[in-house]
Every structure is written in structure tokens, then in C-alpha cells.
């Protein structure tokens, strides 16, 4: 956990050095998360497909079949959790009528998504 905070601080250090305001920092972090989300979901799909390949290729060996089945189950659980959290966030956003538009004073600071 300590390593995460140190790496996060080192990542945000250039923004602080250039006197970036909090809106710019939050926008940068939000853009990174938005960019990383499809990559993480893709990795979950690849993890599932890897387990499927292990299951098929290890059809003769019961131990390899079991290992492949366990990897597929973990992949499905990971995908379910990721997509469920994404759905819950969108549900809360629409239920609470959260405004995701850029305020007039920040139009030059926050890029349009």
C-alpha cells in the first residue's frame, strides 16, 4: 500500500511543480482511469480465454482441466465484478441526476469527454 502512495505521489509531482490546480489533477486522474478501464476489462477477457485454452488443451489430464476450470471461474468472477461496479456507478449517476457537464468556469481546464 505504501508503494502505491509513493508511486501516486511521484506521478502527481510534476503537476504540483507546474502549479497545477486541483481541477487539472482530478481531470488527469479521471482520464487515466477512463483510459485504463477498457484495458482492465480486456485483460479479464484474456484471463478467461487463457483458462479456456488450458481446459481444452489439457483435456487428457484431469489436473490441467481442473486448473483451467478454476482460471475460467476466476475470470468470470472478475468480469462480473468489474461490469457490476461500472453498472452501479452509472445507476447512481442516473438515479441521483448527477451533472457530468463541465462548469462554465472550467471549460478551458477540463477537456470534453
N, C-alpha and C. Protein backbone atom coordinates (compact mmCIF):
# COMPACT_ATOMS: atom_id res chain seq x y z
N UNK A 1 0.83 -1.18 0.00
CA UNK A 1 0.00 0.00 0.00
C UNK A 1 0.87 1.25 0.00
N UNK A 2 1.98 1.18 0.74
CA UNK A 2 2.88 2.31 0.80
C UNK A 2 3.47 2.59 -0.58
N UNK A 3 3.77 1.52 -1.31
CA UNK A 3 4.34 1.67 -2.65
C UNK A 3 3.36 2.39 -3.57
N UNK A 4 2.04 2.10 -3.43
CA UNK A 4 1.02 2.76 -4.24
C UNK A 4 1.01 4.27 -3.99
N UNK A 5 1.04 4.66 -2.73
CA UNK A 5 1.01 6.08 -2.42
C UNK A 5 2.28 6.79 -2.90
N UNK A 6 3.40 6.14 -2.78
CA UNK A 6 4.65 6.74 -3.25
C UNK A 6 4.61 6.91 -4.76
N UNK A 7 4.17 5.88 -5.48
CA UNK A 7 4.11 5.99 -6.94
C UNK A 7 3.08 7.02 -7.37
N UNK A 8 1.96 7.12 -6.65
CA UNK A 8 0.96 8.14 -6.96
C UNK A 8 1.51 9.53 -6.73
N UNK A 9 2.23 9.69 -5.63
CA UNK A 9 2.82 11.00 -5.34
C UNK A 9 3.86 11.37 -6.38
N UNK A 10 4.65 10.41 -6.81
CA UNK A 10 5.65 10.70 -7.84
C UNK A 10 4.99 11.02 -9.17
N UNK A 11 3.85 10.39 -9.45
CA UNK A 11 3.15 10.69 -10.69
C UNK A 11 2.58 12.10 -10.67
N UNK A 12 2.03 12.51 -9.53
CA UNK A 12 1.40 13.82 -9.44
C UNK A 12 2.40 14.94 -9.16
N UNK A 13 3.63 14.62 -8.85
CA UNK A 13 4.64 15.63 -8.54
C UNK A 13 4.85 16.63 -9.67
N UNK A 14 4.97 16.21 -10.93
CA UNK A 14 5.14 17.21 -11.98
C UNK A 14 3.98 18.18 -12.08
N UNK A 15 2.76 17.70 -11.82
CA UNK A 15 1.61 18.60 -11.86
C UNK A 15 1.71 19.65 -10.77
N UNK A 16 2.17 19.24 -9.59
CA UNK A 16 2.32 20.20 -8.49
C UNK A 16 3.46 21.16 -8.77
N UNK A 17 4.50 20.67 -9.42
CA UNK A 17 5.64 21.54 -9.72
C UNK A 17 5.27 22.61 -10.72
N UNK A 18 4.36 22.32 -11.62
CA UNK A 18 3.93 23.30 -12.60
C UNK A 18 2.73 24.10 -12.10
N UNK A 19 2.49 24.06 -10.82
CA UNK A 19 1.43 24.81 -10.16
C UNK A 19 0.06 24.47 -10.75
N UNK A 20 -0.18 23.21 -10.95
CA UNK A 20 -1.46 22.78 -11.47
C UNK A 20 -2.51 22.86 -10.37
N UNK A 21 -3.70 23.26 -10.74
CA UNK A 21 -4.75 23.33 -9.74
C UNK A 21 -5.41 21.96 -9.58
N UNK A 22 -6.27 21.86 -8.60
CA UNK A 22 -6.87 20.55 -8.29
C UNK A 22 -7.75 20.05 -9.42
N UNK A 23 -8.39 20.95 -10.17
CA UNK A 23 -9.24 20.50 -11.28
C UNK A 23 -8.40 19.79 -12.33
N UNK A 24 -7.21 20.29 -12.59
CA UNK A 24 -6.33 19.64 -13.56
C UNK A 24 -5.86 18.29 -13.06
N UNK A 25 -5.53 18.20 -11.80
CA UNK A 25 -5.08 16.94 -11.22
C UNK A 25 -6.20 15.91 -11.26
N UNK A 26 -7.41 16.29 -10.86
CA UNK A 26 -8.53 15.36 -10.88
C UNK A 26 -8.87 14.95 -12.31
N UNK A 27 -8.77 15.88 -13.23
CA UNK A 27 -9.04 15.56 -14.64
C UNK A 27 -8.03 14.57 -15.16
N UNK A 28 -6.76 14.75 -14.81
CA UNK A 28 -5.72 13.83 -15.26
C UNK A 28 -5.95 12.44 -14.69
N UNK A 29 -6.26 12.35 -13.42
CA UNK A 29 -6.52 11.05 -12.79
C UNK A 29 -7.76 10.40 -13.41
N UNK A 30 -8.80 11.19 -13.64
CA UNK A 30 -10.02 10.68 -14.25
C UNK A 30 -9.76 10.17 -15.66
N UNK A 31 -8.95 10.90 -16.42
CA UNK A 31 -8.60 10.45 -17.77
C UNK A 31 -7.81 9.15 -17.74
N UNK A 32 -6.91 9.02 -16.78
CA UNK A 32 -6.15 7.77 -16.66
C UNK A 32 -7.05 6.59 -16.33
N UNK A 33 -7.98 6.80 -15.43
CA UNK A 33 -8.91 5.73 -15.06
C UNK A 33 -9.80 5.38 -16.24
N UNK A 34 -10.28 6.39 -16.96
CA UNK A 34 -11.12 6.13 -18.13
C UNK A 34 -10.36 5.39 -19.21
N UNK A 35 -9.09 5.69 -19.35
CA UNK A 35 -8.28 5.01 -20.36
C UNK A 35 -7.93 3.59 -19.93
N UNK A 36 -7.78 3.36 -18.65
CA UNK A 36 -7.37 2.05 -18.16
C UNK A 36 -8.54 1.06 -18.06
N UNK A 37 -9.75 1.55 -17.99
CA UNK A 37 -10.91 0.67 -17.81
C UNK A 37 -11.05 -0.36 -18.94
N UNK A 38 -11.02 0.04 -20.22
CA UNK A 38 -11.13 -0.99 -21.27
C UNK A 38 -9.96 -1.97 -21.26
N UNK A 39 -8.79 -1.49 -20.87
CA UNK A 39 -7.62 -2.38 -20.81
C UNK A 39 -7.82 -3.44 -19.74
N UNK A 40 -8.32 -3.04 -18.59
CA UNK A 40 -8.52 -3.98 -17.48
C UNK A 40 -9.61 -5.00 -17.84
N UNK A 41 -10.69 -4.55 -18.47
CA UNK A 41 -11.75 -5.48 -18.88
C UNK A 41 -11.20 -6.44 -19.95
N UNK A 42 -10.40 -5.91 -20.86
CA UNK A 42 -9.77 -6.76 -21.87
C UNK A 42 -8.86 -7.81 -21.25
N UNK A 43 -8.12 -7.42 -20.22
CA UNK A 43 -7.27 -8.39 -19.52
C UNK A 43 -8.11 -9.47 -18.84
N UNK A 44 -9.27 -9.08 -18.31
CA UNK A 44 -10.17 -10.07 -17.71
C UNK A 44 -10.67 -11.07 -18.74
N UNK A 45 -11.00 -10.59 -19.94
CA UNK A 45 -11.44 -11.49 -21.01
C UNK A 45 -10.30 -12.41 -21.43
N UNK A 46 -9.08 -11.85 -21.56
CA UNK A 46 -7.93 -12.68 -21.92
C UNK A 46 -7.64 -13.73 -20.86
N UNK A 47 -7.81 -13.37 -19.59
CA UNK A 47 -7.62 -14.32 -18.49
C UNK A 47 -8.61 -15.48 -18.62
N UNK A 48 -9.87 -15.15 -18.92
CA UNK A 48 -10.88 -16.19 -19.12
C UNK A 48 -10.51 -17.08 -20.30
N UNK A 49 -10.11 -16.46 -21.42
CA UNK A 49 -9.76 -17.23 -22.61
C UNK A 49 -8.53 -18.11 -22.38
N UNK A 50 -7.60 -17.62 -21.57
CA UNK A 50 -6.43 -18.43 -21.21
C UNK A 50 -6.86 -19.68 -20.44
N UNK A 51 -7.78 -19.51 -19.51
CA UNK A 51 -8.31 -20.65 -18.76
C UNK A 51 -9.05 -21.62 -19.67
N UNK A 52 -9.79 -21.07 -20.63
CA UNK A 52 -10.50 -21.91 -21.59
C UNK A 52 -9.52 -22.73 -22.43
N UNK A 53 -8.45 -22.08 -22.88
CA UNK A 53 -7.43 -22.79 -23.66
C UNK A 53 -6.76 -23.88 -22.83
N UNK A 54 -6.47 -23.57 -21.56
CA UNK A 54 -5.88 -24.59 -20.70
C UNK A 54 -6.83 -25.77 -20.50
N UNK A 55 -8.11 -25.48 -20.38
CA UNK A 55 -9.11 -26.53 -20.19
C UNK A 55 -9.20 -27.43 -21.42
N UNK A 56 -9.21 -26.80 -22.60
CA UNK A 56 -9.34 -27.58 -23.84
C UNK A 56 -8.06 -28.36 -24.12
N UNK A 57 -6.91 -27.69 -23.99
CA UNK A 57 -5.65 -28.35 -24.31
C UNK A 57 -5.27 -29.42 -23.28
N UNK A 58 -5.79 -29.29 -22.08
CA UNK A 58 -5.48 -30.28 -21.04
C UNK A 58 -6.59 -31.28 -20.85
N UNK A 59 -7.34 -31.57 -21.91
CA UNK A 59 -8.49 -32.47 -21.80
C UNK A 59 -8.08 -33.87 -21.35
N UNK A 60 -6.88 -34.28 -21.69
CA UNK A 60 -6.44 -35.63 -21.32
C UNK A 60 -6.02 -35.71 -19.86
N UNK A 61 -5.53 -34.60 -19.32
CA UNK A 61 -5.03 -34.58 -17.94
C UNK A 61 -6.08 -33.93 -17.03
N UNK A 62 -6.55 -34.69 -16.06
CA UNK A 62 -7.61 -34.18 -15.17
C UNK A 62 -7.14 -32.97 -14.35
N UNK A 63 -5.88 -32.95 -13.94
CA UNK A 63 -5.35 -31.85 -13.13
C UNK A 63 -5.33 -30.54 -13.95
N UNK A 64 -4.94 -30.63 -15.22
CA UNK A 64 -4.91 -29.43 -16.07
C UNK A 64 -6.32 -28.94 -16.36
N UNK A 65 -7.25 -29.87 -16.52
CA UNK A 65 -8.64 -29.47 -16.72
C UNK A 65 -9.17 -28.72 -15.51
N UNK A 66 -8.84 -29.21 -14.33
CA UNK A 66 -9.30 -28.56 -13.10
C UNK A 66 -8.69 -27.17 -12.96
N UNK A 67 -7.39 -27.06 -13.28
CA UNK A 67 -6.72 -25.75 -13.21
C UNK A 67 -7.33 -24.77 -14.21
N UNK A 68 -7.59 -25.23 -15.42
CA UNK A 68 -8.22 -24.38 -16.44
C UNK A 68 -9.61 -23.95 -16.03
N UNK A 69 -10.38 -24.87 -15.43
CA UNK A 69 -11.72 -24.54 -14.97
C UNK A 69 -11.67 -23.49 -13.86
N UNK A 70 -10.71 -23.61 -12.95
CA UNK A 70 -10.57 -22.62 -11.87
C UNK A 70 -10.20 -21.25 -12.42
N UNK A 71 -9.33 -21.22 -13.42
CA UNK A 71 -8.95 -19.93 -14.03
C UNK A 71 -10.14 -19.31 -14.74
N UNK A 72 -10.93 -20.13 -15.43
CA UNK A 72 -12.13 -19.59 -16.09
C UNK A 72 -13.12 -19.03 -15.07
N UNK A 73 -13.30 -19.71 -13.97
CA UNK A 73 -14.23 -19.24 -12.93
C UNK A 73 -13.74 -17.91 -12.36
N UNK A 74 -12.43 -17.82 -12.09
CA UNK A 74 -11.90 -16.55 -11.57
C UNK A 74 -12.05 -15.44 -12.60
N UNK A 75 -11.87 -15.74 -13.88
CA UNK A 75 -12.05 -14.74 -14.93
C UNK A 75 -13.48 -14.25 -15.01
N UNK A 76 -14.43 -15.18 -14.92
CA UNK A 76 -15.84 -14.79 -14.97
C UNK A 76 -16.21 -13.95 -13.75
N UNK A 77 -15.71 -14.32 -12.59
CA UNK A 77 -16.00 -13.54 -11.37
C UNK A 77 -15.40 -12.14 -11.50
N UNK A 78 -14.17 -12.04 -12.00
CA UNK A 78 -13.53 -10.73 -12.17
C UNK A 78 -14.32 -9.86 -13.15
N UNK A 79 -14.75 -10.44 -14.27
CA UNK A 79 -15.54 -9.68 -15.24
C UNK A 79 -16.88 -9.26 -14.64
N UNK A 80 -17.50 -10.15 -13.88
CA UNK A 80 -18.78 -9.81 -13.25
C UNK A 80 -18.62 -8.64 -12.29
N UNK A 81 -17.58 -8.68 -11.48
CA UNK A 81 -17.36 -7.60 -10.51
C UNK A 81 -17.09 -6.27 -11.23
N UNK A 82 -16.23 -6.29 -12.25
CA UNK A 82 -15.90 -5.06 -12.96
C UNK A 82 -17.12 -4.46 -13.64
N UNK A 83 -17.90 -5.29 -14.31
CA UNK A 83 -19.07 -4.78 -15.03
C UNK A 83 -20.17 -4.37 -14.04
N UNK A 84 -20.29 -5.06 -12.92
CA UNK A 84 -21.29 -4.70 -11.91
C UNK A 84 -20.97 -3.34 -11.28
N UNK A 85 -19.72 -3.11 -10.98
CA UNK A 85 -19.33 -1.81 -10.40
C UNK A 85 -19.58 -0.71 -11.42
N UNK A 86 -19.25 -0.96 -12.68
CA UNK A 86 -19.49 0.03 -13.72
C UNK A 86 -20.99 0.33 -13.83
N UNK A 87 -21.82 -0.72 -13.77
CA UNK A 87 -23.26 -0.53 -13.84
C UNK A 87 -23.81 0.20 -12.63
N UNK A 88 -23.28 -0.12 -11.44
CA UNK A 88 -23.75 0.58 -10.23
C UNK A 88 -23.39 2.06 -10.27
N UNK A 89 -22.22 2.37 -10.75
CA UNK A 89 -21.83 3.78 -10.84
C UNK A 89 -22.76 4.52 -11.80
N UNK A 90 -23.04 3.91 -12.95
CA UNK A 90 -23.96 4.55 -13.90
C UNK A 90 -25.37 4.63 -13.36
N UNK A 91 -25.81 3.61 -12.61
CA UNK A 91 -27.13 3.65 -11.99
C UNK A 91 -27.23 4.78 -10.98
N UNK A 92 -26.21 4.92 -10.12
CA UNK A 92 -26.21 6.02 -9.16
C UNK A 92 -26.17 7.37 -9.85
N UNK A 93 -25.38 7.46 -10.90
CA UNK A 93 -25.27 8.72 -11.63
C UNK A 93 -26.62 9.12 -12.22
N UNK A 94 -27.34 8.16 -12.79
CA UNK A 94 -28.63 8.50 -13.39
C UNK A 94 -29.72 8.66 -12.33
N UNK A 95 -29.67 7.88 -11.26
CA UNK A 95 -30.69 7.99 -10.21
C UNK A 95 -30.59 9.31 -9.46
N UNK A 96 -29.39 9.72 -9.15
CA UNK A 96 -29.19 10.95 -8.39
C UNK A 96 -29.11 12.18 -9.28
N UNK A 97 -29.31 12.00 -10.59
CA UNK A 97 -29.25 13.10 -11.55
C UNK A 97 -27.97 13.91 -11.41
N UNK A 98 -26.86 13.23 -11.32
CA UNK A 98 -25.58 13.92 -11.20
C UNK A 98 -25.23 14.56 -12.52
N UNK A 99 -24.83 15.80 -12.44
CA UNK A 99 -24.49 16.56 -13.64
C UNK A 99 -23.03 16.29 -13.98
N UNK A 100 -22.79 15.76 -15.17
CA UNK A 100 -21.42 15.45 -15.58
C UNK A 100 -20.91 16.43 -16.62
N UNK A 101 -21.63 17.53 -16.81
CA UNK A 101 -21.16 18.53 -17.77
C UNK A 101 -20.10 19.40 -17.11
N UNK A 102 -19.31 20.02 -17.93
CA UNK A 102 -18.22 20.86 -17.44
C UNK A 102 -18.77 22.23 -17.08
N UNK A 103 -18.49 22.74 -15.87
CA UNK A 103 -18.94 24.08 -15.50
C UNK A 103 -18.32 25.13 -16.42
N UNK A 104 -19.02 26.26 -16.55
CA UNK A 104 -18.59 27.30 -17.48
C UNK A 104 -17.19 27.83 -17.14
N UNK A 105 -16.85 27.93 -15.88
CA UNK A 105 -15.56 28.47 -15.48
C UNK A 105 -14.41 27.53 -15.72
N UNK A 106 -14.69 26.25 -15.95
CA UNK A 106 -13.64 25.26 -16.13
C UNK A 106 -13.55 24.74 -17.56
N UNK A 107 -14.25 25.36 -18.51
CA UNK A 107 -14.28 24.85 -19.88
C UNK A 107 -12.90 24.80 -20.51
N UNK A 108 -12.03 25.71 -20.17
CA UNK A 108 -10.69 25.68 -20.74
C UNK A 108 -9.75 24.73 -20.01
N UNK A 109 -10.14 24.30 -18.80
CA UNK A 109 -9.28 23.46 -17.98
C UNK A 109 -9.59 21.99 -18.17
N UNK A 110 -10.88 21.63 -18.11
CA UNK A 110 -11.28 20.23 -18.18
C UNK A 110 -11.61 19.89 -19.63
N UNK A 111 -10.94 18.90 -20.19
CA UNK A 111 -11.25 18.54 -21.58
C UNK A 111 -12.61 17.88 -21.69
N UNK A 112 -13.24 18.05 -22.83
CA UNK A 112 -14.55 17.47 -23.05
C UNK A 112 -14.41 15.98 -23.30
N UNK A 113 -15.27 15.16 -22.68
CA UNK A 113 -15.21 13.72 -22.88
C UNK A 113 -16.36 13.24 -23.71
